[in-house]
Amino acid sequence: MHPLVDISWWRLSACGLCLIFAVAVSLRMKLGIERTLTIASIRGPLQLFAVGYALSAIFAVRNPLLVIALLLIMLSVAARTGAGRLSRPLPHIAPLLGVSLACGTAISLVVMTTLVVPTEPWYDPQYLIPFGGMLLGNSMNAASLAGERFQEELRARRLHIETLLCVGFSGPDSVHEMFARSLRASMIPTLNAFMVAGIVQLPGMMTGQILAGVDPLMAVKYQVLIFFLLLTSVMTTSWMFLSFLRSHYFTPTHQFRSDLL
């Protein structure tokens, strides 16, 4: 296999042609997202390069406190971003999403570092940070999707919920179908990616490793690992977050708080 080709700065700047095309389409179709596209195209690379320099320092020092601190920062940003995507924000929901993300990600990382890839030391940033980032990002998107879907279901079927409560159903039982549909919806992107892996697309982690010169079969093993870790993390995070959301919409006496909708 050939070594990874370095990309010069001026060649990298040629990616700006993609931005010009996207802005042109937005202007032509009157989408009104030209400013957002431009800001994202500047902000994204700056953030990535900043993280790149930070990771270089962390990899060199290999200090567990720095690794944990970076993961906590990533967790905090993910929780705030995910909670902000809900169409009906709720008080104190970001910390609850943070707890859900922490639990889902921690379970997967513990399985990885103890059973599958027993790293030495356990906080090896080369493994913990990239895997933690992938798990947090995908779990955040899944939880946001689940929460948004759940709120839409509650709004659309509030009368149905009230009826079930009147005939003796508990709060959780009255919204069980909506809860299940929302949880199922949160799993669709991960399941779709797993179903078409290797046929429709080569997943990101596998592609990156192959470009770096890793043996394709080794890259496949790591991609399979991340898929199974994602299934666990996404399911755990979405289920916990939906449980927290559900508790917000019912009083201790199982009265439906439709005012929050």
C-alpha atoms as a PDB file:
ATOM      1  CA  MET A   1       0.000   0.000   0.000  1.00  0.00           C
ATOM      2  CA  HIS A   2       1.128   3.545  -0.706  1.00  0.00           C
ATOM      3  CA  PRO A   3       1.826   6.012   2.123  1.00  0.00           C
ATOM      4  CA  LEU A   4      -0.789   8.662   2.821  1.00  0.00           C
ATOM      5  CA  VAL A   5      -0.419  11.636   0.465  1.00  0.00           C
ATOM      6  CA  ASP A   6       0.088  14.922   2.277  1.00  0.00           C
ATOM      7  CA  ILE A   7      -2.234  17.771   1.307  1.00  0.00           C
ATOM      8  CA  SER A   8      -0.610  21.133   0.809  1.00  0.00           C
ATOM      9  CA  TRP A   9      -2.317  24.232   2.169  1.00  0.00           C
ATOM     10  CA  TRP A  10      -3.051  25.722  -1.221  1.00  0.00           C
ATOM     11  CA  ARG A  11      -4.566  22.455  -2.461  1.00  0.00           C
ATOM     12  CA  LEU A  12      -6.677  22.243   0.680  1.00  0.00           C
ATOM     13  CA  SER A  13      -7.957  25.751   0.001  1.00  0.00           C
ATOM     14  CA  ALA A  14      -9.364  24.432  -3.285  1.00  0.00           C
ATOM     15  CA  CYS A  15     -12.165  22.950  -1.167  1.00  0.00           C
ATOM     16  CA  GLY A  16     -13.535  26.479  -1.208  1.00  0.00           C
ATOM     17  CA  LEU A  17     -14.934  25.690  -4.659  1.00  0.00           C
ATOM     18  CA  CYS A  18     -17.414  23.367  -2.927  1.00  0.00           C
ATOM     19  CA  LEU A  19     -18.532  26.267  -0.728  1.00  0.00           C
ATOM     20  CA  ILE A  20     -18.997  28.528  -3.747  1.00  0.00           C
ATOM     21  CA  PHE A  21     -21.170  25.884  -5.412  1.00  0.00           C
ATOM     22  CA  ALA A  22     -23.284  25.387  -2.258  1.00  0.00           C
ATOM     23  CA  VAL A  23     -23.772  29.142  -1.821  1.00  0.00           C
ATOM     24  CA  ALA A  24     -24.702  29.489  -5.492  1.00  0.00           C
ATOM     25  CA  VAL A  25     -27.368  26.794  -5.137  1.00  0.00           C
ATOM     26  CA  SER A  26     -28.688  28.454  -1.984  1.00  0.00           C
ATOM     27  CA  LEU A  27     -28.942  31.799  -3.754  1.00  0.00           C
ATOM     28  CA  ARG A  28     -30.562  30.278  -6.832  1.00  0.00           C
ATOM     29  CA  MET A  29     -33.137  28.353  -4.780  1.00  0.00           C
ATOM     30  CA  LYS A  30     -33.588  31.189  -2.240  1.00  0.00           C
ATOM     31  CA  LEU A  31     -32.816  28.907   0.705  1.00  0.00           C
ATOM     32  CA  GLY A  32     -31.466  31.731   2.824  1.00  0.00           C
ATOM     33  CA  ILE A  33     -28.612  29.679   4.295  1.00  0.00           C
ATOM     34  CA  GLU A  34     -25.687  31.460   2.609  1.00  0.00           C
ATOM     35  CA  ARG A  35     -24.515  33.069   5.869  1.00  0.00           C
ATOM     36  CA  THR A  36     -24.795  29.793   7.771  1.00  0.00           C
ATOM     37  CA  LEU A  37     -22.845  27.966   5.071  1.00  0.00           C
ATOM     38  CA  THR A  38     -20.079  30.537   5.158  1.00  0.00           C
ATOM     39  CA  ILE A  39     -19.829  30.597   8.963  1.00  0.00           C
ATOM     40  CA  ALA A  40     -19.845  26.787   9.136  1.00  0.00           C
ATOM     41  CA  SER A  41     -17.138  26.572   6.475  1.00  0.00           C
ATOM     42  CA  ILE A  42     -14.904  28.891   8.513  1.00  0.00           C
ATOM     43  CA  ARG A  43     -15.796  27.744  12.006  1.00  0.00           C
ATOM     44  CA  GLY A  44     -15.556  24.005  11.286  1.00  0.00           C
ATOM     45  CA  PRO A  45     -11.958  23.943   9.990  1.00  0.00           C
ATOM     46  CA  LEU A  46     -10.786  26.340  12.722  1.00  0.00           C
ATOM     47  CA  GLN A  47     -12.274  24.075  15.396  1.00  0.00           C
ATOM     48  CA  LEU A  48     -10.740  20.997  13.794  1.00  0.00           C
ATOM     49  CA  PHE A  49      -7.271  22.496  13.583  1.00  0.00           C
ATOM     50  CA  ALA A  50      -7.521  23.703  17.182  1.00  0.00           C
ATOM     51  CA  VAL A  51      -8.481  20.205  18.281  1.00  0.00           C
ATOM     52  CA  GLY A  52      -5.686  18.763  16.150  1.00  0.00           C
ATOM     53  CA  TYR A  53      -3.055  20.836  17.961  1.00  0.00           C
ATOM     54  CA  ALA A  54      -4.647  20.022  21.332  1.00  0.00           C
ATOM     55  CA  LEU A  55      -4.652  16.301  20.581  1.00  0.00           C
ATOM     56  CA  SER A  56      -0.993  16.417  19.554  1.00  0.00           C
ATOM     57  CA  ALA A  57      -0.157  17.852  22.971  1.00  0.00           C
ATOM     58  CA  ILE A  58      -2.368  15.388  24.833  1.00  0.00           C
ATOM     59  CA  PHE A  59      -0.942  12.412  22.944  1.00  0.00           C
ATOM     60  CA  ALA A  60       2.560  13.560  23.818  1.00  0.00           C
ATOM     61  CA  VAL A  61       1.854  14.103  27.544  1.00  0.00           C
ATOM     62  CA  ARG A  62      -0.507  11.094  28.034  1.00  0.00           C
ATOM     63  CA  ASN A  63      -1.939  12.498  31.244  1.00  0.00           C
ATOM     64  CA  PRO A  64      -5.222  10.881  32.433  1.00  0.00           C
ATOM     65  CA  LEU A  65      -6.515  14.187  33.818  1.00  0.00           C
ATOM     66  CA  LEU A  66      -6.119  15.874  30.446  1.00  0.00           C
ATOM     67  CA  VAL A  67      -7.849  12.991  28.675  1.00  0.00           C
ATOM     68  CA  ILE A  68     -10.781  13.042  31.090  1.00  0.00           C
ATOM     69  CA  ALA A  69     -10.981  16.847  30.945  1.00  0.00           C
ATOM     70  CA  LEU A  70     -11.209  16.792  27.133  1.00  0.00           C
ATOM     71  CA  LEU A  71     -13.890  14.091  27.211  1.00  0.00           C
ATOM     72  CA  LEU A  72     -15.889  16.135  29.744  1.00  0.00           C
ATOM     73  CA  ILE A  73     -15.651  19.213  27.517  1.00  0.00           C
ATOM     74  CA  MET A  74     -16.881  17.160  24.569  1.00  0.00           C
ATOM     75  CA  LEU A  75     -19.696  15.771  26.710  1.00  0.00           C
ATOM     76  CA  SER A  76     -20.753  19.238  27.862  1.00  0.00           C
ATOM     77  CA  VAL A  77     -20.850  20.647  24.339  1.00  0.00           C
ATOM     78  CA  ALA A  78     -22.760  17.601  23.070  1.00  0.00           C
ATOM     79  CA  ALA A  79     -25.348  17.897  25.857  1.00  0.00           C
ATOM     80  CA  ARG A  80     -25.954  21.610  25.271  1.00  0.00           C
ATOM     81  CA  THR A  81     -26.104  21.189  21.505  1.00  0.00           C
ATOM     82  CA  GLY A  82     -28.437  18.201  21.636  1.00  0.00           C
ATOM     83  CA  ALA A  83     -30.799  19.833  24.129  1.00  0.00           C
ATOM     84  CA  GLY A  84     -30.888  22.992  22.030  1.00  0.00           C
ATOM     85  CA  ARG A  85     -32.243  21.072  19.050  1.00  0.00           C
ATOM     86  CA  LEU A  86     -35.520  20.240  20.761  1.00  0.00           C
ATOM     87  CA  SER A  87     -38.433  22.198  19.304  1.00  0.00           C
ATOM     88  CA  ARG A  88     -39.801  22.753  22.833  1.00  0.00           C
ATOM     89  CA  PRO A  89     -36.863  23.309  25.220  1.00  0.00           C
ATOM     90  CA  LEU A  90     -37.409  22.169  28.788  1.00  0.00           C
ATOM     91  CA  PRO A  91     -35.749  23.455  31.974  1.00  0.00           C
ATOM     92  CA  HIS A  92     -32.659  21.544  33.120  1.00  0.00           C
ATOM     93  CA  ILE A  93     -32.881  19.160  30.170  1.00  0.00           C
ATOM     94  CA  ALA A  94     -29.249  19.660  29.070  1.00  0.00           C
ATOM     95  CA  PRO A  95     -27.796  18.126  32.290  1.00  0.00           C
ATOM     96  CA  LEU A  96     -30.164  15.177  31.921  1.00  0.00           C
ATOM     97  CA  LEU A  97     -29.031  14.674  28.332  1.00  0.00           C
ATOM     98  CA  GLY A  98     -25.455  14.897  29.619  1.00  0.00           C
ATOM     99  CA  VAL A  99     -26.147  12.090  32.098  1.00  0.00           C
ATOM    100  CA  SER A 100     -27.680   9.979  29.321  1.00  0.00           C
ATOM    101  CA  LEU A 101     -24.715  10.607  27.023  1.00  0.00           C
ATOM    102  CA  ALA A 102     -22.228   9.852  29.789  1.00  0.00           C
ATOM    103  CA  CYS A 103     -23.887   6.527  30.635  1.00  0.00           C
ATOM    104  CA  GLY A 104     -24.266   5.387  27.036  1.00  0.00           C
ATOM    105  CA  THR A 105     -20.714   6.337  26.087  1.00  0.00           C
ATOM    106  CA  ALA A 106     -19.157   4.974  29.288  1.00  0.00           C
ATOM    107  CA  ILE A 107     -20.720   1.529  28.845  1.00  0.00           C
ATOM    108  CA  SER A 108     -19.340   1.220  25.318  1.00  0.00           C
ATOM    109  CA  LEU A 109     -15.890   2.536  26.248  1.00  0.00           C
ATOM    110  CA  VAL A 110     -15.601   0.156  29.208  1.00  0.00           C
ATOM    111  CA  VAL A 111     -16.498  -2.801  26.977  1.00  0.00           C
ATOM    112  CA  MET A 112     -13.938  -1.666  24.407  1.00  0.00           C
ATOM    113  CA  THR A 113     -11.030  -1.036  26.788  1.00  0.00           C
ATOM    114  CA  THR A 114     -11.566  -4.122  28.967  1.00  0.00           C
ATOM    115  CA  LEU A 115     -12.754  -6.827  26.569  1.00  0.00           C
ATOM    116  CA  VAL A 116     -11.986  -5.926  22.954  1.00  0.00           C
ATOM    117  CA  VAL A 117      -8.989  -3.562  22.864  1.00  0.00           C
ATOM    118  CA  PRO A 118      -7.345  -3.784  26.313  1.00  0.00           C
ATOM    119  CA  THR A 119      -5.270  -0.621  26.087  1.00  0.00           C
ATOM    120  CA  GLU A 120      -2.286   0.060  28.328  1.00  0.00           C
ATOM    121  CA  PRO A 121      -2.753   2.388  30.101  1.00  0.00           C
ATOM    122  CA  TRP A 122      -6.557   2.375  30.176  1.00  0.00           C
ATOM    123  CA  TYR A 123      -6.703   6.108  29.416  1.00  0.00           C
ATOM    124  CA  ASP A 124      -4.610   5.840  26.252  1.00  0.00           C
ATOM    125  CA  PRO A 125      -5.748   8.997  24.379  1.00  0.00           C
ATOM    126  CA  GLN A 126      -5.070   7.395  20.997  1.00  0.00           C
ATOM    127  CA  TYR A 127      -8.073   5.144  21.571  1.00  0.00           C
ATOM    128  CA  LEU A 128     -10.204   6.813  24.222  1.00  0.00           C
ATOM    129  CA  ILE A 129     -10.612  10.237  22.605  1.00  0.00           C
ATOM    130  CA  PRO A 130     -11.419   9.200  18.999  1.00  0.00           C
ATOM    131  CA  PHE A 131     -13.804   6.461  20.096  1.00  0.00           C
ATOM    132  CA  GLY A 132     -15.359   8.695  22.753  1.00  0.00           C
ATOM    133  CA  GLY A 133     -15.890  11.449  20.189  1.00  0.00           C
ATOM    134  CA  MET A 134     -17.583   9.142  17.694  1.00  0.00           C
ATOM    135  CA  LEU A 135     -19.856   7.674  20.353  1.00  0.00           C
ATOM    136  CA  LEU A 136     -20.795  11.073  21.786  1.00  0.00           C
ATOM    137  CA  GLY A 137     -21.539  12.596  18.390  1.00  0.00           C
ATOM    138  CA  ASN A 138     -23.737   9.767  17.162  1.00  0.00           C
ATOM    139  CA  SER A 139     -25.499   9.379  20.504  1.00  0.00           C
ATOM    140  CA  MET A 140     -26.203  13.115  20.646  1.00  0.00           C
ATOM    141  CA  ASN A 141     -27.821  13.037  17.205  1.00  0.00           C
ATOM    142  CA  ALA A 142     -29.874   9.973  18.102  1.00  0.00           C
ATOM    143  CA  ALA A 143     -31.078  11.465  21.395  1.00  0.00           C
ATOM    144  CA  SER A 144     -32.030  14.733  19.682  1.00  0.00           C
ATOM    145  CA  LEU A 145     -33.967  12.803  17.049  1.00  0.00           C
ATOM    146  CA  ALA A 146     -35.705  10.740  19.730  1.00  0.00           C
ATOM    147  CA  GLY A 147     -36.608  13.799  21.807  1.00  0.00           C
ATOM    148  CA  GLU A 148     -37.926  15.754  18.835  1.00  0.00           C
ATOM    149  CA  ARG A 149     -40.019  12.799  17.675  1.00  0.00           C
ATOM    150  CA  PHE A 150     -41.379  12.215  21.185  1.00  0.00           C
ATOM    151  CA  GLN A 151     -42.467  15.832  21.580  1.00  0.00           C
ATOM    152  CA  GLU A 152     -44.194  15.760  18.184  1.00  0.00           C
ATOM    153  CA  GLU A 153     -46.009  12.558  19.158  1.00  0.00           C
ATOM    154  CA  LEU A 154     -47.161  14.083  22.457  1.00  0.00           C
ATOM    155  CA  ARG A 155     -48.479  17.204  20.720  1.00  0.00           C
ATOM    156  CA  ALA A 156     -50.309  15.237  18.070  1.00  0.00           C
ATOM    157  CA  ARG A 157     -51.922  12.760  20.488  1.00  0.00           C
ATOM    158  CA  ARG A 158     -52.493  14.771  23.641  1.00  0.00           C
ATOM    159  CA  LEU A 159     -56.242  14.030  23.637  1.00  0.00           C
ATOM    160  CA  HIS A 160     -55.532  10.320  23.283  1.00  0.00           C
ATOM    161  CA  ILE A 161     -53.172  10.496  26.251  1.00  0.00           C
ATOM    162  CA  GLU A 162     -55.740  12.311  28.375  1.00  0.00           C
ATOM    163  CA  THR A 163     -58.330   9.669  27.510  1.00  0.00           C
ATOM    164  CA  LEU A 164     -56.053   6.816  28.543  1.00  0.00           C
ATOM    165  CA  LEU A 165     -55.257   8.570  31.821  1.00  0.00           C
ATOM    166  CA  CYS A 166     -58.993   9.000  32.500  1.00  0.00           C
ATOM    167  CA  VAL A 167     -59.627   5.247  32.151  1.00  0.00           C
ATOM    168  CA  GLY A 168     -56.857   4.351  34.610  1.00  0.00           C
ATOM    169  CA  PHE A 169     -53.612   4.137  32.617  1.00  0.00           C
ATOM    170  CA  SER A 170     -50.460   5.361  34.327  1.00  0.00           C
ATOM    171  CA  GLY A 171     -48.403   8.155  32.781  1.00  0.00           C
ATOM    172  CA  PRO A 172     -45.723   5.860  31.289  1.00  0.00           C
ATOM    173  CA  ASP A 173     -48.323   3.374  30.014  1.00  0.00           C
ATOM    174  CA  SER A 174     -50.342   6.101  28.305  1.00  0.00           C
ATOM    175  CA  VAL A 175     -47.379   7.156  26.159  1.00  0.00           C
ATOM    176  CA  HIS A 176     -45.728   3.752  25.714  1.00  0.00           C
ATOM    177  CA  GLU A 177     -46.434   3.539  21.972  1.00  0.00           C
ATOM    178  CA  MET A 178     -45.078   7.047  21.402  1.00  0.00           C
ATOM    179  CA  PHE A 179     -42.038   6.261  23.518  1.00  0.00           C
ATOM    180  CA  ALA A 180     -41.345   3.095  21.526  1.00  0.00           C
ATOM    181  CA  ARG A 181     -41.768   4.818  18.151  1.00  0.00           C
ATOM    182  CA  SER A 182     -39.420   7.618  19.183  1.00  0.00           C
ATOM    183  CA  LEU A 183     -36.798   5.158  20.411  1.00  0.00           C
ATOM    184  CA  ARG A 184     -37.108   3.184  17.188  1.00  0.00           C
ATOM    185  CA  ALA A 185     -36.696   6.350  15.119  1.00  0.00           C
ATOM    186  CA  SER A 186     -33.493   7.249  16.966  1.00  0.00           C
ATOM    187  CA  MET A 187     -31.960   3.912  15.946  1.00  0.00           C
ATOM    188  CA  ILE A 188     -32.740   4.223  12.223  1.00  0.00           C
ATOM    189  CA  PRO A 189     -29.587   6.156  11.132  1.00  0.00           C
ATOM    190  CA  THR A 190     -27.258   3.757  12.966  1.00  0.00           C
ATOM    191  CA  LEU A 191     -29.072   0.668  11.716  1.00  0.00           C
ATOM    192  CA  ASN A 192     -29.149   1.987   8.145  1.00  0.00           C
ATOM    193  CA  ALA A 193     -25.414   2.664   8.237  1.00  0.00           C
ATOM    194  CA  PHE A 194     -24.791  -0.854   9.538  1.00  0.00           C
ATOM    195  CA  MET A 195     -27.064  -2.460   6.926  1.00  0.00           C
ATOM    196  CA  VAL A 196     -25.361  -0.852   3.907  1.00  0.00           C
ATOM    197  CA  ALA A 197     -21.778  -0.852   5.227  1.00  0.00           C
ATOM    198  CA  GLY A 198     -19.378  -2.075   2.569  1.00  0.00           C
ATOM    199  CA  ILE A 199     -22.055  -2.182  -0.141  1.00  0.00           C
ATOM    200  CA  VAL A 200     -23.329   1.382  -0.480  1.00  0.00           C
ATOM    201  CA  GLN A 201     -20.511   3.116   1.391  1.00  0.00           C
ATOM    202  CA  LEU A 202     -17.258   2.538   3.234  1.00  0.00           C
ATOM    203  CA  PRO A 203     -17.747   3.924   6.761  1.00  0.00           C
ATOM    204  CA  GLY A 204     -15.650   6.868   7.911  1.00  0.00           C
ATOM    205  CA  MET A 205     -13.398   5.106  10.395  1.00  0.00           C
ATOM    206  CA  MET A 206     -12.577   2.304   7.979  1.00  0.00           C
ATOM    207  CA  THR A 207     -11.883   4.776   5.174  1.00  0.00           C
ATOM    208  CA  GLY A 208      -9.571   6.844   7.373  1.00  0.00           C
ATOM    209  CA  GLN A 209      -7.562   3.822   8.456  1.00  0.00           C
ATOM    210  CA  ILE A 210      -7.198   2.544   4.895  1.00  0.00           C
ATOM    211  CA  LEU A 211      -5.980   5.977   3.777  1.00  0.00           C
ATOM    212  CA  ALA A 212      -3.466   5.883   6.635  1.00  0.00           C
ATOM    213  CA  GLY A 213      -2.055   2.619   5.273  1.00  0.00           C
ATOM    214  CA  VAL A 214      -3.670   0.165   7.692  1.00  0.00           C
ATOM    215  CA  ASP A 215      -4.394  -3.320   6.371  1.00  0.00           C
ATOM    216  CA  PRO A 216      -8.009  -3.345   5.065  1.00  0.00           C
ATOM    217  CA  LEU A 217      -8.969  -6.379   7.161  1.00  0.00           C
ATOM    218  CA  MET A 218      -7.677  -4.657  10.306  1.00  0.00           C
ATOM    219  CA  ALA A 219      -9.683  -1.566   9.359  1.00  0.00           C
ATOM    220  CA  VAL A 220     -12.779  -3.741   8.949  1.00  0.00           C
ATOM    221  CA  LYS A 221     -12.326  -5.188  12.451  1.00  0.00           C
ATOM    222  CA  TYR A 222     -12.206  -1.712  13.996  1.00  0.00           C
ATOM    223  CA  GLN A 223     -15.215  -0.582  11.966  1.00  0.00           C
ATOM    224  CA  VAL A 224     -17.225  -3.590  13.157  1.00  0.00           C
ATOM    225  CA  LEU A 225     -16.160  -2.718  16.704  1.00  0.00           C
ATOM    226  CA  ILE A 226     -17.365   0.878  16.424  1.00  0.00           C
ATOM    227  CA  PHE A 227     -20.682  -0.255  14.936  1.00  0.00           C
ATOM    228  CA  PHE A 228     -21.450  -2.520  17.890  1.00  0.00           C
ATOM    229  CA  LEU A 229     -20.312   0.128  20.346  1.00  0.00           C
ATOM    230  CA  LEU A 230     -22.560   2.649  18.595  1.00  0.00           C
ATOM    231  CA  LEU A 231     -25.576   0.356  18.839  1.00  0.00           C
ATOM    232  CA  THR A 232     -25.084   0.111  22.594  1.00  0.00           C
ATOM    233  CA  SER A 233     -24.324   3.793  23.133  1.00  0.00           C
ATOM    234  CA  VAL A 234     -27.132   5.099  20.920  1.00  0.00           C
ATOM    235  CA  MET A 235     -29.736   2.750  22.401  1.00  0.00           C
ATOM    236  CA  THR A 236     -28.734   3.473  26.008  1.00  0.00           C
ATOM    237  CA  THR A 237     -28.537   7.239  25.535  1.00  0.00           C
ATOM    238  CA  SER A 238     -31.835   7.536  23.652  1.00  0.00           C
ATOM    239  CA  TRP A 239     -33.695   5.282  26.087  1.00  0.00           C
ATOM    240  CA  MET A 240     -32.442   7.196  29.140  1.00  0.00           C
ATOM    241  CA  PHE A 241     -33.100  10.598  27.566  1.00  0.00           C
ATOM    242  CA  LEU A 242     -36.632   9.649  26.562  1.00  0.00           C
ATOM    243  CA  SER A 243     -37.247   8.392  30.099  1.00  0.00           C
ATOM    244  CA  PHE A 244     -36.124  11.748  31.489  1.00  0.00           C
ATOM    245  CA  LEU A 245     -38.309  13.578  28.967  1.00  0.00           C
ATOM    246  CA  ARG A 246     -41.324  11.447  29.801  1.00  0.00           C
ATOM    247  CA  SER A 247     -40.947  12.212  33.504  1.00  0.00           C
ATOM    248  CA  HIS A 248     -41.089  15.940  32.708  1.00  0.00           C
ATOM    249  CA  TYR A 249     -44.521  15.628  31.125  1.00  0.00           C
ATOM    250  CA  PHE A 250     -46.216  13.898  34.052  1.00  0.00           C
ATOM    251  CA  THR A 251     -46.710  14.921  37.665  1.00  0.00           C
ATOM    252  CA  PRO A 252     -46.112  12.429  40.509  1.00  0.00           C
ATOM    253  CA  THR A 253     -49.877  11.785  40.421  1.00  0.00           C
ATOM    254  CA  HIS A 254     -49.724  10.913  36.681  1.00  0.00           C
ATOM    255  CA  GLN A 255     -51.324  14.124  35.431  1.00  0.00           C
ATOM    256  CA  PHE A 256     -50.310  15.088  31.905  1.00  0.00           C
ATOM    257  CA  ARG A 257     -48.529  18.457  31.743  1.00  0.00           C
ATOM    258  CA  SER A 258     -49.754  19.501  28.315  1.00  0.00           C
ATOM    259  CA  ASP A 259     -48.787  23.126  29.103  1.00  0.00           C
ATOM    260  CA  LEU A 260     -45.165  22.173  28.424  1.00  0.00           C
ATOM    261  CA  LEU A 261     -46.078  21.418  24.824  1.00  0.00           C
END
